[in-house]
Amino acid sequence: MCLTGSSLRSVLALLLLANCHCGKRRCNYKEILDSYRVVIFVELQSLNLTGSTHTSRDRDPCPQAKARRILVSIYGMTQQVRCHRSGEQRSDLEKPVESMEQLVVHNCSPDYLGRRTSCSTVKKIRGKKRKRNKVIQVIKALITCWQKLQSVYKLSK
């Protein structure tokens, strides 16, 4: 079977569009949640963070009801941790958070997530111990948000 020039171009264009991320779906929640359970959840458990994940006096870190809003909150918190990082060196606490950010960015279109947080808008924290405590606080909030995202996604199916 021989293809003419115009039909070959049409087939090639169709293949490129099918493989292109131009019309990338909003978010692949199934892939995000599966990867979270397999990789990131295990990393978080290995950190062995003790204590309650959420106290009543703290404000709720994740909006209720919609998976998109929860995922955007998770993405924003991962960017906060990235902004608190000093230099190239990453602590063990920051590795799962960076994995979360990469997972969300890889499985969602940029338009769906909104603008990336500028580090200049994040309040700087001085001192290693204070930074570590802030990262732990954000990680605990992230765990709460992931639990909410899983329950909201299960209810929407």
C-alpha atoms as a PDB file:
ATOM      1  CA  MET A   1       0.000   0.000   0.000  1.00  0.00           C
ATOM      2  CA  CYS A   2       1.409   3.354  -1.020  1.00  0.00           C
ATOM      3  CA  LEU A   3       0.409   6.659   0.543  1.00  0.00           C
ATOM      4  CA  THR A   4       0.427   9.866  -1.449  1.00  0.00           C
ATOM      5  CA  GLY A   5       2.098  13.004  -0.112  1.00  0.00           C
ATOM      6  CA  SER A   6      -1.101  14.653   1.106  1.00  0.00           C
ATOM      7  CA  SER A   7      -2.484  11.541   2.802  1.00  0.00           C
ATOM      8  CA  LEU A   8       0.920  10.868   4.387  1.00  0.00           C
ATOM      9  CA  ARG A   9       0.949  14.413   5.782  1.00  0.00           C
ATOM     10  CA  SER A  10      -2.587  13.947   7.108  1.00  0.00           C
ATOM     11  CA  VAL A  11      -1.680  10.701   8.862  1.00  0.00           C
ATOM     12  CA  LEU A  12       1.481  12.272  10.286  1.00  0.00           C
ATOM     13  CA  ALA A  13      -0.444  15.314  11.547  1.00  0.00           C
ATOM     14  CA  LEU A  14      -3.041  13.040  13.142  1.00  0.00           C
ATOM     15  CA  LEU A  15      -0.329  11.007  14.888  1.00  0.00           C
ATOM     16  CA  LEU A  16       1.403  14.143  16.143  1.00  0.00           C
ATOM     17  CA  LEU A  17      -1.836  15.570  17.505  1.00  0.00           C
ATOM     18  CA  ALA A  18      -2.679  12.298  19.219  1.00  0.00           C
ATOM     19  CA  ASN A  19       0.729  12.227  20.914  1.00  0.00           C
ATOM     20  CA  CYS A  20       0.896  15.983  21.608  1.00  0.00           C
ATOM     21  CA  HIS A  21       0.106  17.436  25.016  1.00  0.00           C
ATOM     22  CA  CYS A  22      -1.445  20.502  23.342  1.00  0.00           C
ATOM     23  CA  GLY A  23      -4.936  19.421  24.282  1.00  0.00           C
ATOM     24  CA  LYS A  24      -3.720  17.876  27.509  1.00  0.00           C
ATOM     25  CA  ARG A  25      -6.485  16.794  29.811  1.00  0.00           C
ATOM     26  CA  ARG A  26      -7.093  18.882  32.880  1.00  0.00           C
ATOM     27  CA  CYS A  27      -5.757  16.348  35.377  1.00  0.00           C
ATOM     28  CA  ASN A  28      -5.379  12.611  35.510  1.00  0.00           C
ATOM     29  CA  TYR A  29      -6.615  12.086  39.072  1.00  0.00           C
ATOM     30  CA  LYS A  30      -6.443   8.304  38.879  1.00  0.00           C
ATOM     31  CA  GLU A  31      -2.753   8.389  37.940  1.00  0.00           C
ATOM     32  CA  ILE A  32      -2.010  11.044  40.568  1.00  0.00           C
ATOM     33  CA  LEU A  33      -3.705   9.115  43.382  1.00  0.00           C
ATOM     34  CA  ASP A  34      -2.228   5.765  42.330  1.00  0.00           C
ATOM     35  CA  SER A  35       1.280   7.222  42.231  1.00  0.00           C
ATOM     36  CA  TYR A  36       0.717   8.932  45.570  1.00  0.00           C
ATOM     37  CA  ARG A  37      -0.307   5.662  47.223  1.00  0.00           C
ATOM     38  CA  VAL A  38       2.565   3.669  45.731  1.00  0.00           C
ATOM     39  CA  VAL A  39       5.467   6.102  46.096  1.00  0.00           C
ATOM     40  CA  ILE A  40       4.834   9.291  48.045  1.00  0.00           C
ATOM     41  CA  PHE A  41       2.723   7.796  50.834  1.00  0.00           C
ATOM     42  CA  VAL A  42       5.546   5.329  51.556  1.00  0.00           C
ATOM     43  CA  GLU A  43       8.083   8.186  51.627  1.00  0.00           C
ATOM     44  CA  LEU A  44       5.887  10.142  54.047  1.00  0.00           C
ATOM     45  CA  GLN A  45       5.510   7.141  56.331  1.00  0.00           C
ATOM     46  CA  SER A  46       9.285   6.691  56.417  1.00  0.00           C
ATOM     47  CA  LEU A  47       9.616  10.262  57.750  1.00  0.00           C
ATOM     48  CA  ASN A  48       7.870   9.042  60.911  1.00  0.00           C
ATOM     49  CA  LEU A  49       6.174  12.346  61.711  1.00  0.00           C
ATOM     50  CA  THR A  50       4.375  11.965  65.006  1.00  0.00           C
ATOM     51  CA  GLY A  51       1.617  14.035  66.515  1.00  0.00           C
ATOM     52  CA  SER A  52      -1.781  15.016  65.235  1.00  0.00           C
ATOM     53  CA  THR A  53      -2.041  16.044  61.631  1.00  0.00           C
ATOM     54  CA  HIS A  54      -4.589  18.765  62.272  1.00  0.00           C
ATOM     55  CA  THR A  55      -5.637  20.642  65.382  1.00  0.00           C
ATOM     56  CA  SER A  56      -8.937  22.449  65.794  1.00  0.00           C
ATOM     57  CA  ARG A  57      -7.302  25.858  66.251  1.00  0.00           C
ATOM     58  CA  ASP A  58      -5.547  25.621  62.879  1.00  0.00           C
ATOM     59  CA  ARG A  59      -7.429  26.680  59.810  1.00  0.00           C
ATOM     60  CA  ASP A  60      -8.276  23.941  57.351  1.00  0.00           C
ATOM     61  CA  PRO A  61      -5.489  23.832  54.742  1.00  0.00           C
ATOM     62  CA  CYS A  62      -7.719  22.369  52.023  1.00  0.00           C
ATOM     63  CA  PRO A  63     -11.004  23.628  50.659  1.00  0.00           C
ATOM     64  CA  GLN A  64     -13.860  21.154  50.825  1.00  0.00           C
ATOM     65  CA  ALA A  65     -15.837  19.436  48.120  1.00  0.00           C
ATOM     66  CA  LYS A  66     -13.985  19.852  44.817  1.00  0.00           C
ATOM     67  CA  ALA A  67     -11.029  17.748  43.742  1.00  0.00           C
ATOM     68  CA  ARG A  68      -9.576  20.553  41.626  1.00  0.00           C
ATOM     69  CA  ARG A  69      -9.474  23.027  44.522  1.00  0.00           C
ATOM     70  CA  ILE A  70      -7.843  20.456  46.790  1.00  0.00           C
ATOM     71  CA  LEU A  71      -5.245  19.609  44.141  1.00  0.00           C
ATOM     72  CA  VAL A  72      -4.476  23.303  43.547  1.00  0.00           C
ATOM     73  CA  SER A  73      -4.010  23.699  47.326  1.00  0.00           C
ATOM     74  CA  ILE A  74      -1.610  20.743  47.362  1.00  0.00           C
ATOM     75  CA  TYR A  75       0.320  22.258  44.470  1.00  0.00           C
ATOM     76  CA  GLY A  76       0.516  25.637  46.231  1.00  0.00           C
ATOM     77  CA  MET A  77       1.817  24.071  49.445  1.00  0.00           C
ATOM     78  CA  THR A  78       4.510  22.152  47.559  1.00  0.00           C
ATOM     79  CA  GLN A  79       5.634  25.430  46.029  1.00  0.00           C
ATOM     80  CA  GLN A  80       5.790  27.009  49.496  1.00  0.00           C
ATOM     81  CA  VAL A  81       8.221  24.321  50.622  1.00  0.00           C
ATOM     82  CA  ARG A  82      10.275  24.829  47.466  1.00  0.00           C
ATOM     83  CA  CYS A  83      10.518  28.543  48.268  1.00  0.00           C
ATOM     84  CA  HIS A  84      11.738  27.851  51.824  1.00  0.00           C
ATOM     85  CA  ARG A  85      14.547  25.646  50.547  1.00  0.00           C
ATOM     86  CA  SER A  86      17.955  27.225  50.866  1.00  0.00           C
ATOM     87  CA  GLY A  87      20.317  26.390  48.039  1.00  0.00           C
ATOM     88  CA  GLU A  88      20.390  23.141  46.114  1.00  0.00           C
ATOM     89  CA  GLN A  89      20.594  20.843  49.120  1.00  0.00           C
ATOM     90  CA  ARG A  90      17.357  19.054  49.971  1.00  0.00           C
ATOM     91  CA  SER A  91      16.472  17.551  53.311  1.00  0.00           C
ATOM     92  CA  ASP A  92      14.718  14.202  53.680  1.00  0.00           C
ATOM     93  CA  LEU A  93      11.563  16.143  54.518  1.00  0.00           C
ATOM     94  CA  GLU A  94      11.609  18.001  51.209  1.00  0.00           C
ATOM     95  CA  LYS A  95      12.026  14.965  48.935  1.00  0.00           C
ATOM     96  CA  PRO A  96       8.432  13.672  49.144  1.00  0.00           C
ATOM     97  CA  VAL A  97       7.124  17.222  48.753  1.00  0.00           C
ATOM     98  CA  GLU A  98       9.191  17.674  45.605  1.00  0.00           C
ATOM     99  CA  SER A  99       7.863  14.331  44.340  1.00  0.00           C
ATOM    100  CA  MET A 100       4.322  15.597  44.938  1.00  0.00           C
ATOM    101  CA  GLU A 101       4.972  18.752  42.943  1.00  0.00           C
ATOM    102  CA  GLN A 102       6.470  16.789  40.043  1.00  0.00           C
ATOM    103  CA  LEU A 103       3.577  14.321  40.113  1.00  0.00           C
ATOM    104  CA  VAL A 104       0.965  17.071  39.929  1.00  0.00           C
ATOM    105  CA  VAL A 105       2.817  19.031  37.229  1.00  0.00           C
ATOM    106  CA  HIS A 106       3.325  15.876  35.144  1.00  0.00           C
ATOM    107  CA  ASN A 107      -0.340  14.841  35.281  1.00  0.00           C
ATOM    108  CA  CYS A 108      -2.100  18.216  35.012  1.00  0.00           C
ATOM    109  CA  SER A 109      -2.159  20.943  32.423  1.00  0.00           C
ATOM    110  CA  PRO A 110      -0.587  24.234  33.573  1.00  0.00           C
ATOM    111  CA  ASP A 111      -3.822  26.105  32.851  1.00  0.00           C
ATOM    112  CA  TYR A 112      -5.684  23.813  35.231  1.00  0.00           C
ATOM    113  CA  LEU A 113      -3.289  24.541  38.109  1.00  0.00           C
ATOM    114  CA  GLY A 114      -3.179  28.296  37.703  1.00  0.00           C
ATOM    115  CA  ARG A 115      -0.160  30.534  38.110  1.00  0.00           C
ATOM    116  CA  ARG A 116       2.960  29.290  39.817  1.00  0.00           C
ATOM    117  CA  THR A 117       3.580  30.890  43.210  1.00  0.00           C
ATOM    118  CA  SER A 118       6.368  33.438  43.224  1.00  0.00           C
ATOM    119  CA  CYS A 119       8.889  32.876  45.998  1.00  0.00           C
ATOM    120  CA  SER A 120       8.952  36.616  46.637  1.00  0.00           C
ATOM    121  CA  THR A 121       5.361  36.412  47.955  1.00  0.00           C
ATOM    122  CA  VAL A 122       6.200  33.663  50.463  1.00  0.00           C
ATOM    123  CA  LYS A 123       7.161  34.918  53.901  1.00  0.00           C
ATOM    124  CA  LYS A 124      10.806  34.053  54.563  1.00  0.00           C
ATOM    125  CA  ILE A 125      11.644  32.095  57.690  1.00  0.00           C
ATOM    126  CA  ARG A 126      15.021  32.450  59.343  1.00  0.00           C
ATOM    127  CA  GLY A 127      16.736  29.671  61.228  1.00  0.00           C
ATOM    128  CA  LYS A 128      17.109  25.987  60.404  1.00  0.00           C
ATOM    129  CA  LYS A 129      14.866  24.788  63.215  1.00  0.00           C
ATOM    130  CA  ARG A 130      12.053  27.185  62.301  1.00  0.00           C
ATOM    131  CA  LYS A 131      12.294  26.191  58.630  1.00  0.00           C
ATOM    132  CA  ARG A 132      12.206  22.513  59.576  1.00  0.00           C
ATOM    133  CA  ASN A 133       9.161  23.058  61.801  1.00  0.00           C
ATOM    134  CA  LYS A 134       7.409  24.967  59.003  1.00  0.00           C
ATOM    135  CA  VAL A 135       8.145  22.176  56.515  1.00  0.00           C
ATOM    136  CA  ILE A 136       6.793  19.594  58.983  1.00  0.00           C
ATOM    137  CA  GLN A 137       3.655  21.708  59.455  1.00  0.00           C
ATOM    138  CA  VAL A 138       3.150  21.934  55.681  1.00  0.00           C
ATOM    139  CA  ILE A 139       3.751  18.190  55.254  1.00  0.00           C
ATOM    140  CA  LYS A 140       1.089  17.416  57.860  1.00  0.00           C
ATOM    141  CA  ALA A 141      -1.317  19.732  56.027  1.00  0.00           C
ATOM    142  CA  LEU A 142      -0.419  17.990  52.756  1.00  0.00           C
ATOM    143  CA  ILE A 143      -1.226  14.596  54.274  1.00  0.00           C
ATOM    144  CA  THR A 144      -4.644  15.933  55.309  1.00  0.00           C
ATOM    145  CA  CYS A 145      -5.229  17.299  51.802  1.00  0.00           C
ATOM    146  CA  TRP A 146      -4.245  14.018  50.128  1.00  0.00           C
ATOM    147  CA  GLN A 147      -6.714  12.163  52.354  1.00  0.00           C
ATOM    148  CA  LYS A 148      -9.461  14.612  51.387  1.00  0.00           C
ATOM    149  CA  LEU A 149      -8.578  14.333  47.700  1.00  0.00           C
ATOM    150  CA  GLN A 150      -8.806  10.544  47.867  1.00  0.00           C
ATOM    151  CA  SER A 151     -12.213  10.639  49.563  1.00  0.00           C
ATOM    152  CA  VAL A 152     -13.597  13.308  47.205  1.00  0.00           C
ATOM    153  CA  TYR A 153     -12.349  11.378  44.170  1.00  0.00           C
ATOM    154  CA  LYS A 154     -13.912   8.129  45.440  1.00  0.00           C
ATOM    155  CA  LEU A 155     -17.252   9.886  45.996  1.00  0.00           C
ATOM    156  CA  SER A 156     -17.234  11.399  42.505  1.00  0.00           C
ATOM    157  CA  LYS A 157     -16.731   8.031  40.781  1.00  0.00           C
END
